PDB file of N, CA and C in Angstrom:
ATOM      1  N   UNK A   1     -11.878  26.328  -9.565  1.00  0.00           N
ATOM      2  CA  UNK A   1     -11.418  25.999  -8.242  1.00  0.00           C
ATOM      3  C   UNK A   1      -9.911  25.795  -8.281  1.00  0.00           C
ATOM      4  N   UNK A   2      -9.209  26.432  -7.371  1.00  0.00           N
ATOM      5  CA  UNK A   2      -7.756  26.324  -7.299  1.00  0.00           C
ATOM      6  C   UNK A   2      -7.362  25.229  -6.303  1.00  0.00           C
ATOM      7  N   UNK A   3      -6.458  24.352  -6.695  1.00  0.00           N
ATOM      8  CA  UNK A   3      -6.024  23.323  -5.747  1.00  0.00           C
ATOM      9  C   UNK A   3      -5.198  23.950  -4.627  1.00  0.00           C
ATOM     10  N   UNK A   4      -5.332  23.388  -3.447  1.00  0.00           N
ATOM     11  CA  UNK A   4      -4.573  23.880  -2.297  1.00  0.00           C
ATOM     12  C   UNK A   4      -3.298  23.049  -2.196  1.00  0.00           C
ATOM     13  N   UNK A   5      -2.165  23.727  -2.312  1.00  0.00           N
ATOM     14  CA  UNK A   5      -0.867  23.069  -2.247  1.00  0.00           C
ATOM     15  C   UNK A   5      -0.025  23.827  -1.239  1.00  0.00           C
ATOM     16  N   UNK A   6       0.738  23.096  -0.453  1.00  0.00           N
ATOM     17  CA  UNK A   6       1.607  23.789   0.481  1.00  0.00           C
ATOM     18  C   UNK A   6       2.686  24.525  -0.294  1.00  0.00           C
ATOM     19  N   UNK A   7       3.122  25.614   0.244  1.00  0.00           N
ATOM     20  CA  UNK A   7       4.138  26.424  -0.417  1.00  0.00           C
ATOM     21  C   UNK A   7       5.440  25.647  -0.517  1.00  0.00           C
ATOM     22  N   UNK A   8       5.778  24.880   0.493  1.00  0.00           N
ATOM     23  CA  UNK A   8       7.027  24.138   0.485  1.00  0.00           C
ATOM     24  C   UNK A   8       7.052  23.138  -0.667  1.00  0.00           C
ATOM     25  N   UNK A   9       5.967  22.417  -0.898  1.00  0.00           N
ATOM     26  CA  UNK A   9       5.944  21.452  -1.996  1.00  0.00           C
ATOM     27  C   UNK A   9       6.123  22.152  -3.340  1.00  0.00           C
ATOM     28  N   UNK A  10       5.492  23.295  -3.496  1.00  0.00           N
ATOM     29  CA  UNK A  10       5.597  24.015  -4.759  1.00  0.00           C
ATOM     30  C   UNK A  10       7.004  24.555  -4.967  1.00  0.00           C
ATOM     31  N   UNK A  11       7.679  24.950  -3.902  1.00  0.00           N
ATOM     32  CA  UNK A  11       9.015  25.534  -4.017  1.00  0.00           C
ATOM     33  C   UNK A  11      10.081  24.456  -4.177  1.00  0.00           C
ATOM     34  N   UNK A  12       9.966  23.366  -3.425  1.00  0.00           N
ATOM     35  CA  UNK A  12      11.030  22.367  -3.413  1.00  0.00           C
ATOM     36  C   UNK A  12      10.783  21.193  -4.353  1.00  0.00           C
ATOM     37  N   UNK A  13       9.722  21.215  -5.118  1.00  0.00           N
ATOM     38  CA  UNK A  13       9.411  20.070  -5.977  1.00  0.00           C
ATOM     39  C   UNK A  13      10.509  19.803  -6.997  1.00  0.00           C
ATOM     40  N   UNK A  14      11.194  20.811  -7.447  1.00  0.00           N
ATOM     41  CA  UNK A  14      12.222  20.632  -8.462  1.00  0.00           C
ATOM     42  C   UNK A  14      13.595  21.076  -7.985  1.00  0.00           C
ATOM     43  N   UNK A  15      13.825  21.019  -6.691  1.00  0.00           N
ATOM     44  CA  UNK A  15      15.112  21.437  -6.148  1.00  0.00           C
ATOM     45  C   UNK A  15      16.192  20.422  -6.507  1.00  0.00           C
ATOM     46  N   UNK A  16      17.412  20.899  -6.691  1.00  0.00           N
ATOM     47  CA  UNK A  16      18.534  20.035  -7.061  1.00  0.00           C
ATOM     48  C   UNK A  16      18.919  19.076  -5.936  1.00  0.00           C
ATOM     49  N   UNK A  17      18.696  19.458  -4.708  1.00  0.00           N
ATOM     50  CA  UNK A  17      19.164  18.648  -3.583  1.00  0.00           C
ATOM     51  C   UNK A  17      18.267  17.448  -3.281  1.00  0.00           C
ATOM     52  N   UNK A  18      17.213  17.253  -4.046  1.00  0.00           N
ATOM     53  CA  UNK A  18      16.335  16.100  -3.835  1.00  0.00           C
ATOM     54  C   UNK A  18      17.007  14.814  -4.308  1.00  0.00           C
ATOM     55  N   UNK A  19      17.925  14.908  -5.240  1.00  0.00           N
ATOM     56  CA  UNK A  19      18.634  13.732  -5.741  1.00  0.00           C
ATOM     57  C   UNK A  19      19.490  13.136  -4.631  1.00  0.00           C
ATOM     58  N   UNK A  20      19.690  11.804  -4.651  1.00  0.00           N
ATOM     59  CA  UNK A  20      20.535  11.193  -3.621  1.00  0.00           C
ATOM     60  C   UNK A  20      21.987  11.632  -3.771  1.00  0.00           C
ATOM     61  N   UNK A  21      22.653  11.745  -2.650  1.00  0.00           N
ATOM     62  CA  UNK A  21      24.060  12.141  -2.668  1.00  0.00           C
ATOM     63  C   UNK A  21      24.912  10.932  -3.040  1.00  0.00           C
ATOM     64  N   UNK A  22      26.188  11.186  -3.298  1.00  0.00           N
ATOM     65  CA  UNK A  22      27.103  10.097  -3.623  1.00  0.00           C
ATOM     66  C   UNK A  22      27.229   9.126  -2.454  1.00  0.00           C
ATOM     67  N   UNK A  23      27.221   9.643  -1.235  1.00  0.00           N
ATOM     68  CA  UNK A  23      27.314   8.782  -0.051  1.00  0.00           C
ATOM     69  C   UNK A  23      26.079   7.882   0.055  1.00  0.00           C
ATOM     70  N   UNK A  24      24.907   8.421  -0.229  1.00  0.00           N
ATOM     71  CA  UNK A  24      23.691   7.624  -0.185  1.00  0.00           C
ATOM     72  C   UNK A  24      23.693   6.549  -1.270  1.00  0.00           C
ATOM     73  N   UNK A  25      24.152   6.897  -2.459  1.00  0.00           N
ATOM     74  CA  UNK A  25      24.241   5.910  -3.538  1.00  0.00           C
ATOM     75  C   UNK A  25      25.248   4.817  -3.209  1.00  0.00           C
ATOM     76  N   UNK A  26      26.376   5.188  -2.561  1.00  0.00           N
ATOM     77  CA  UNK A  26      27.361   4.191  -2.147  1.00  0.00           C
ATOM     78  C   UNK A  26      26.775   3.256  -1.090  1.00  0.00           C
ATOM     79  N   UNK A  27      25.990   3.807  -0.164  1.00  0.00           N
ATOM     80  CA  UNK A  27      25.358   2.975   0.868  1.00  0.00           C
ATOM     81  C   UNK A  27      24.364   1.998   0.242  1.00  0.00           C
ATOM     82  N   UNK A  28      23.604   2.468  -0.731  1.00  0.00           N
ATOM     83  CA  UNK A  28      22.651   1.575  -1.423  1.00  0.00           C
ATOM     84  C   UNK A  28      23.406   0.484  -2.165  1.00  0.00           C
ATOM     85  N   UNK A  29      24.489   0.850  -2.820  1.00  0.00           N
ATOM     86  CA  UNK A  29      25.290  -0.128  -3.553  1.00  0.00           C
ATOM     87  C   UNK A  29      25.879  -1.179  -2.613  1.00  0.00           C
ATOM     88  N   UNK A  30      26.288  -0.738  -1.428  1.00  0.00           N
ATOM     89  CA  UNK A  30      26.852  -1.670  -0.456  1.00  0.00           C
ATOM     90  C   UNK A  30      25.774  -2.618   0.085  1.00  0.00           C
ATOM     91  N   UNK A  31      24.544  -2.142   0.209  1.00  0.00           N
ATOM     92  CA  UNK A  31      23.447  -2.955   0.726  1.00  0.00           C
ATOM     93  C   UNK A  31      22.757  -3.801  -0.353  1.00  0.00           C
ATOM     94  N   UNK A  32      23.104  -3.605  -1.603  1.00  0.00           N
ATOM     95  CA  UNK A  32      22.403  -4.268  -2.695  1.00  0.00           C
ATOM     96  C   UNK A  32      22.395  -5.799  -2.599  1.00  0.00           C
ATOM     97  N   UNK A  33      23.486  -6.479  -2.226  1.00  0.00           N
ATOM     98  CA  UNK A  33      23.393  -7.949  -2.099  1.00  0.00           C
ATOM     99  C   UNK A  33      22.350  -8.387  -1.067  1.00  0.00           C
ATOM    100  N   UNK A  34      22.243  -7.667   0.034  1.00  0.00           N
ATOM    101  CA  UNK A  34      21.240  -8.004   1.051  1.00  0.00           C
ATOM    102  C   UNK A  34      19.833  -7.725   0.532  1.00  0.00           C
ATOM    103  N   UNK A  35      19.677  -6.648  -0.202  1.00  0.00           N
ATOM    104  CA  UNK A  35      18.367  -6.315  -0.772  1.00  0.00           C
ATOM    105  C   UNK A  35      17.931  -7.388  -1.762  1.00  0.00           C
ATOM    106  N   UNK A  36      18.838  -7.808  -2.626  1.00  0.00           N
ATOM    107  CA  UNK A  36      18.512  -8.840  -3.618  1.00  0.00           C
ATOM    108  C   UNK A  36      18.205 -10.185  -2.954  1.00  0.00           C
ATOM    109  N   UNK A  37      18.909 -10.489  -1.866  1.00  0.00           N
ATOM    110  CA  UNK A  37      18.622 -11.727  -1.139  1.00  0.00           C
ATOM    111  C   UNK A  37      17.222 -11.676  -0.529  1.00  0.00           C
ATOM    112  N   UNK A  38      16.832 -10.530  -0.011  1.00  0.00           N
ATOM    113  CA  UNK A  38      15.493 -10.399   0.554  1.00  0.00           C
ATOM    114  C   UNK A  38      14.417 -10.474  -0.528  1.00  0.00           C
ATOM    115  N   UNK A  39      14.716  -9.962  -1.707  1.00  0.00           N
ATOM    116  CA  UNK A  39      13.774 -10.076  -2.824  1.00  0.00           C
ATOM    117  C   UNK A  39      13.601 -11.541  -3.218  1.00  0.00           C
ATOM    118  N   UNK A  40      14.690 -12.300  -3.240  1.00  0.00           N
ATOM    119  CA  UNK A  40      14.593 -13.729  -3.552  1.00  0.00           C
ATOM    120  C   UNK A  40      13.757 -14.464  -2.509  1.00  0.00           C
ATOM    121  N   UNK A  41      13.922 -14.098  -1.237  1.00  0.00           N
ATOM    122  CA  UNK A  41      13.118 -14.720  -0.186  1.00  0.00           C
ATOM    123  C   UNK A  41      11.644 -14.389  -0.370  1.00  0.00           C
ATOM    124  N   UNK A  42      11.347 -13.143  -0.682  1.00  0.00           N
ATOM    125  CA  UNK A  42       9.951 -12.762  -0.928  1.00  0.00           C
ATOM    126  C   UNK A  42       9.371 -13.512  -2.123  1.00  0.00           C
ATOM    127  N   UNK A  43      10.157 -13.666  -3.167  1.00  0.00           N
ATOM    128  CA  UNK A  43       9.690 -14.430  -4.336  1.00  0.00           C
ATOM    129  C   UNK A  43       9.350 -15.859  -3.952  1.00  0.00           C
ATOM    130  N   UNK A  44      10.224 -16.475  -3.148  1.00  0.00           N
ATOM    131  CA  UNK A  44       9.987 -17.855  -2.730  1.00  0.00           C
ATOM    132  C   UNK A  44       8.731 -17.951  -1.863  1.00  0.00           C
ATOM    133  N   UNK A  45       8.504 -16.960  -1.019  1.00  0.00           N
ATOM    134  CA  UNK A  45       7.322 -16.982  -0.169  1.00  0.00           C
ATOM    135  C   UNK A  45       6.049 -16.695  -0.956  1.00  0.00           C
ATOM    136  N   UNK A  46       6.123 -15.805  -1.919  1.00  0.00           N
ATOM    137  CA  UNK A  46       4.949 -15.456  -2.730  1.00  0.00           C
ATOM    138  C   UNK A  46       4.473 -16.658  -3.535  1.00  0.00           C
ATOM    139  N   UNK A  47       5.410 -17.453  -4.028  1.00  0.00           N
ATOM    140  CA  UNK A  47       5.044 -18.628  -4.819  1.00  0.00           C
ATOM    141  C   UNK A  47       4.149 -19.569  -4.013  1.00  0.00           C
ATOM    142  N   UNK A  48       4.369 -19.658  -2.717  1.00  0.00           N
ATOM    143  CA  UNK A  48       3.635 -20.609  -1.892  1.00  0.00           C
ATOM    144  C   UNK A  48       2.354 -20.044  -1.288  1.00  0.00           C
ATOM    145  N   UNK A  49       1.983 -18.829  -1.627  1.00  0.00           N
ATOM    146  CA  UNK A  49       0.798 -18.223  -1.022  1.00  0.00           C
ATOM    147  C   UNK A  49      -0.500 -18.920  -1.414  1.00  0.00           C
ATOM    148  N   UNK A  50      -0.614 -19.322  -2.653  1.00  0.00           N
ATOM    149  CA  UNK A  50      -1.893 -19.858  -3.123  1.00  0.00           C
ATOM    150  C   UNK A  50      -1.898 -21.372  -3.304  1.00  0.00           C
ATOM    151  N   UNK A  51      -0.906 -22.035  -2.738  1.00  0.00           N
ATOM    152  CA  UNK A  51      -0.875 -23.494  -2.843  1.00  0.00           C
ATOM    153  C   UNK A  51      -0.147 -24.068  -1.634  1.00  0.00           C
ATOM    154  N   UNK A  52      -0.267 -25.357  -1.462  1.00  0.00           N
ATOM    155  CA  UNK A  52       0.457 -26.042  -0.400  1.00  0.00           C
ATOM    156  C   UNK A  52       1.913 -26.170  -0.822  1.00  0.00           C
ATOM    157  N   UNK A  53       2.839 -25.715   0.025  1.00  0.00           N
ATOM    158  CA  UNK A  53       4.252 -25.784  -0.360  1.00  0.00           C
ATOM    159  C   UNK A  53       4.731 -27.228  -0.526  1.00  0.00           C
ATOM    160  N   UNK A  54       5.466 -27.453  -1.580  1.00  0.00           N
ATOM    161  CA  UNK A  54       6.071 -28.757  -1.812  1.00  0.00           C
ATOM    162  C   UNK A  54       7.423 -28.792  -1.099  1.00  0.00           C
ATOM    163  N   UNK A  55       8.060 -29.940  -1.136  1.00  0.00           N
ATOM    164  CA  UNK A  55       9.395 -30.056  -0.539  1.00  0.00           C
ATOM    165  C   UNK A  55      10.374 -29.135  -1.260  1.00  0.00           C
ATOM    166  N   UNK A  56      10.235 -29.006  -2.555  1.00  0.00           N
ATOM    167  CA  UNK A  56      11.094 -28.111  -3.322  1.00  0.00           C
ATOM    168  C   UNK A  56      10.879 -26.656  -2.907  1.00  0.00           C
ATOM    169  N   UNK A  57       9.627 -26.263  -2.680  1.00  0.00           N
ATOM    170  CA  UNK A  57       9.330 -24.910  -2.206  1.00  0.00           C
ATOM    171  C   UNK A  57       9.954 -24.664  -0.835  1.00  0.00           C
ATOM    172  N   UNK A  58       9.835 -25.650   0.040  1.00  0.00           N
ATOM    173  CA  UNK A  58      10.404 -25.511   1.384  1.00  0.00           C
ATOM    174  C   UNK A  58      11.921 -25.356   1.321  1.00  0.00           C
ATOM    175  N   UNK A  59      12.561 -26.132   0.442  1.00  0.00           N
ATOM    176  CA  UNK A  59      14.013 -26.000   0.275  1.00  0.00           C
ATOM    177  C   UNK A  59      14.390 -24.634  -0.262  1.00  0.00           C
ATOM    178  N   UNK A  60      13.608 -24.150  -1.220  1.00  0.00           N
ATOM    179  CA  UNK A  60      13.895 -22.835  -1.801  1.00  0.00           C
ATOM    180  C   UNK A  60      13.770 -21.738  -0.749  1.00  0.00           C
ATOM    181  N   UNK A  61      12.758 -21.830   0.107  1.00  0.00           N
ATOM    182  CA  UNK A  61      12.583 -20.830   1.166  1.00  0.00           C
ATOM    183  C   UNK A  61      13.722 -20.921   2.177  1.00  0.00           C
ATOM    184  N   UNK A  62      14.093 -22.140   2.584  1.00  0.00           N
ATOM    185  CA  UNK A  62      15.203 -22.292   3.533  1.00  0.00           C
ATOM    186  C   UNK A  62      16.499 -21.742   2.958  1.00  0.00           C
ATOM    187  N   UNK A  63      16.755 -22.034   1.689  1.00  0.00           N
ATOM    188  CA  UNK A  63      17.966 -21.543   1.032  1.00  0.00           C
ATOM    189  C   UNK A  63      17.956 -20.017   0.960  1.00  0.00           C
ATOM    190  N   UNK A  64      16.804 -19.439   0.652  1.00  0.00           N
ATOM    191  CA  UNK A  64      16.696 -17.981   0.580  1.00  0.00           C
ATOM    192  C   UNK A  64      16.874 -17.350   1.957  1.00  0.00           C
ATOM    193  N   UNK A  65      16.317 -17.977   2.993  1.00  0.00           N
ATOM    194  CA  UNK A  65      16.509 -17.453   4.360  1.00  0.00           C
ATOM    195  C   UNK A  65      17.972 -17.484   4.758  1.00  0.00           C
ATOM    196  N   UNK A  66      18.652 -18.578   4.447  1.00  0.00           N
ATOM    197  CA  UNK A  66      20.085 -18.673   4.770  1.00  0.00           C
ATOM    198  C   UNK A  66      20.878 -17.613   4.022  1.00  0.00           C
ATOM    199  N   UNK A  67      20.510 -17.367   2.776  1.00  0.00           N
ATOM    200  CA  UNK A  67      21.214 -16.350   2.005  1.00  0.00           C
ATOM    201  C   UNK A  67      20.989 -14.960   2.597  1.00  0.00           C
ATOM    202  N   UNK A  68      19.751 -14.673   3.028  1.00  0.00           N
ATOM    203  CA  UNK A  68      19.461 -13.376   3.655  1.00  0.00           C
ATOM    204  C   UNK A  68      20.306 -13.214   4.912  1.00  0.00           C
ATOM    205  N   UNK A  69      20.343 -14.242   5.748  1.00  0.00           N
ATOM    206  CA  UNK A  69      21.132 -14.155   6.980  1.00  0.00           C
ATOM    207  C   UNK A  69      22.615 -13.978   6.677  1.00  0.00           C
ATOM    208  N   UNK A  70      23.115 -14.694   5.684  1.00  0.00           N
ATOM    209  CA  UNK A  70      24.527 -14.573   5.317  1.00  0.00           C
ATOM    210  C   UNK A  70      24.844 -13.178   4.786  1.00  0.00           C
ATOM    211  N   UNK A  71      23.956 -12.634   3.951  1.00  0.00           N
ATOM    212  CA  UNK A  71      24.193 -11.298   3.397  1.00  0.00           C
ATOM    213  C   UNK A  71      24.093 -10.220   4.475  1.00  0.00           C
ATOM    214  N   UNK A  72      23.158 -10.385   5.411  1.00  0.00           N
ATOM    215  CA  UNK A  72      23.068  -9.424   6.517  1.00  0.00           C
ATOM    216  C   UNK A  72      24.319  -9.467   7.382  1.00  0.00           C
ATOM    217  N   UNK A  73      24.821 -10.678   7.655  1.00  0.00           N
ATOM    218  CA  UNK A  73      26.050 -10.806   8.443  1.00  0.00           C
ATOM    219  C   UNK A  73      27.227 -10.177   7.704  1.00  0.00           C
ATOM    220  N   UNK A  74      27.313 -10.439   6.409  1.00  0.00           N
ATOM    221  CA  UNK A  74      28.395  -9.855   5.613  1.00  0.00           C
ATOM    222  C   UNK A  74      28.294  -8.331   5.587  1.00  0.00           C
ATOM    223  N   UNK A  75      27.082  -7.816   5.463  1.00  0.00           N
ATOM    224  CA  UNK A  75      26.884  -6.372   5.467  1.00  0.00           C
ATOM    225  C   UNK A  75      27.284  -5.779   6.807  1.00  0.00           C
ATOM    226  N   UNK A  76      26.908  -6.446   7.882  1.00  0.00           N
ATOM    227  CA  UNK A  76      27.281  -5.968   9.211  1.00  0.00           C
ATOM    228  C   UNK A  76      28.794  -5.961   9.381  1.00  0.00           C
ATOM    229  N   UNK A  77      29.444  -7.005   8.909  1.00  0.00           N
ATOM    230  CA  UNK A  77      30.901  -7.061   8.998  1.00  0.00           C
ATOM    231  C   UNK A  77      31.559  -5.978   8.155  1.00  0.00           C
ATOM    232  N   UNK A  78      31.027  -5.728   6.963  1.00  0.00           N
ATOM    233  CA  UNK A  78      31.595  -4.683   6.106  1.00  0.00           C
ATOM    234  C   UNK A  78      31.427  -3.314   6.732  1.00  0.00           C
ATOM    235  N   UNK A  79      30.257  -3.026   7.288  1.00  0.00           N
ATOM    236  CA  UNK A  79      30.025  -1.707   7.860  1.00  0.00           C
ATOM    237  C   UNK A  79      30.794  -1.547   9.169  1.00  0.00           C
ATOM    238  N   UNK A  80      30.988  -2.629   9.914  1.00  0.00           N
ATOM    239  CA  UNK A  80      31.742  -2.541  11.169  1.00  0.00           C
ATOM    240  C   UNK A  80      33.199  -2.250  10.896  1.00  0.00           C
ATOM    241  N   UNK A  81      33.773  -2.890   9.885  1.00  0.00           N
ATOM    242  CA  UNK A  81      35.171  -2.642   9.570  1.00  0.00           C
ATOM    243  C   UNK A  81      35.360  -1.280   8.927  1.00  0.00           C
ATOM    244  N   UNK A  82      34.355  -0.809   8.202  1.00  0.00           N
ATOM    245  CA  UNK A  82      34.456   0.506   7.570  1.00  0.00           C
ATOM    246  C   UNK A  82      34.332   1.623   8.600  1.00  0.00           C
ATOM    247  N   UNK A  83      33.578   1.394   9.674  1.00  0.00           N
ATOM    248  CA  UNK A  83      33.359   2.452  10.655  1.00  0.00           C
ATOM    249  C   UNK A  83      34.453   2.491  11.716  1.00  0.00           C
ATOM    250  N   UNK A  84      35.288   1.445  11.793  1.00  0.00           N
ATOM    251  CA  UNK A  84      36.378   1.401  12.758  1.00  0.00           C
ATOM    252  C   UNK A  84      37.713   1.339  12.026  1.00  0.00           C
ATOM    253  N   UNK A  85      38.170   2.453  11.476  1.00  0.00           N
ATOM    254  CA  UNK A  85      39.392   2.416  10.696  1.00  0.00           C
ATOM    255  C   UNK A  85      40.655   2.205  11.532  1.00  0.00           C
ATOM    256  N   UNK A  86      40.608   2.473  12.827  1.00  0.00           N
ATOM    257  CA  UNK A  86      41.797   2.351  13.665  1.00  0.00           C
ATOM    258  C   UNK A  86      42.093   0.932  14.098  1.00  0.00           C
ATOM    259  N   UNK A  87      41.229   0.011  13.862  1.00  0.00           N
ATOM    260  CA  UNK A  87      41.452  -1.362  14.274  1.00  0.00           C
ATOM    261  C   UNK A  87      40.752  -1.655  15.596  1.00  0.00           C
ATOM    262  N   UNK A  88      41.460  -1.472  16.681  1.00  0.00           N
ATOM    263  CA  UNK A  88      40.899  -1.765  18.003  1.00  0.00           C
ATOM    264  C   UNK A  88      39.934  -0.664  18.422  1.00  0.00           C
ATOM    265  N   UNK A  89      38.846  -1.067  19.041  1.00  0.00           N
ATOM    266  CA  UNK A  89      37.860  -0.085  19.460  1.00  0.00           C
ATOM    267  C   UNK A  89      38.047   0.290  20.910  1.00  0.00           C
TER     268      UNK A  89
END
């Protein structure tokens, strides 16, 4: 029995253009602090899934939420200044 595969998948499975471009890698690098902050928040939330959160857990979650918000704001400010090179909009 022959497996049924779309022609496009068979042709493009090893294409060179599947790799991320330099611009995409730069965008990921710029977003990395926000991504890491969200991972820390998820870690703090996962810890409390199977138990009653303690005061220390609550503080850790609040601190992680504040960090996520701060990193998102910083990312927004960085992308806004990068997209408006002329200064005034």
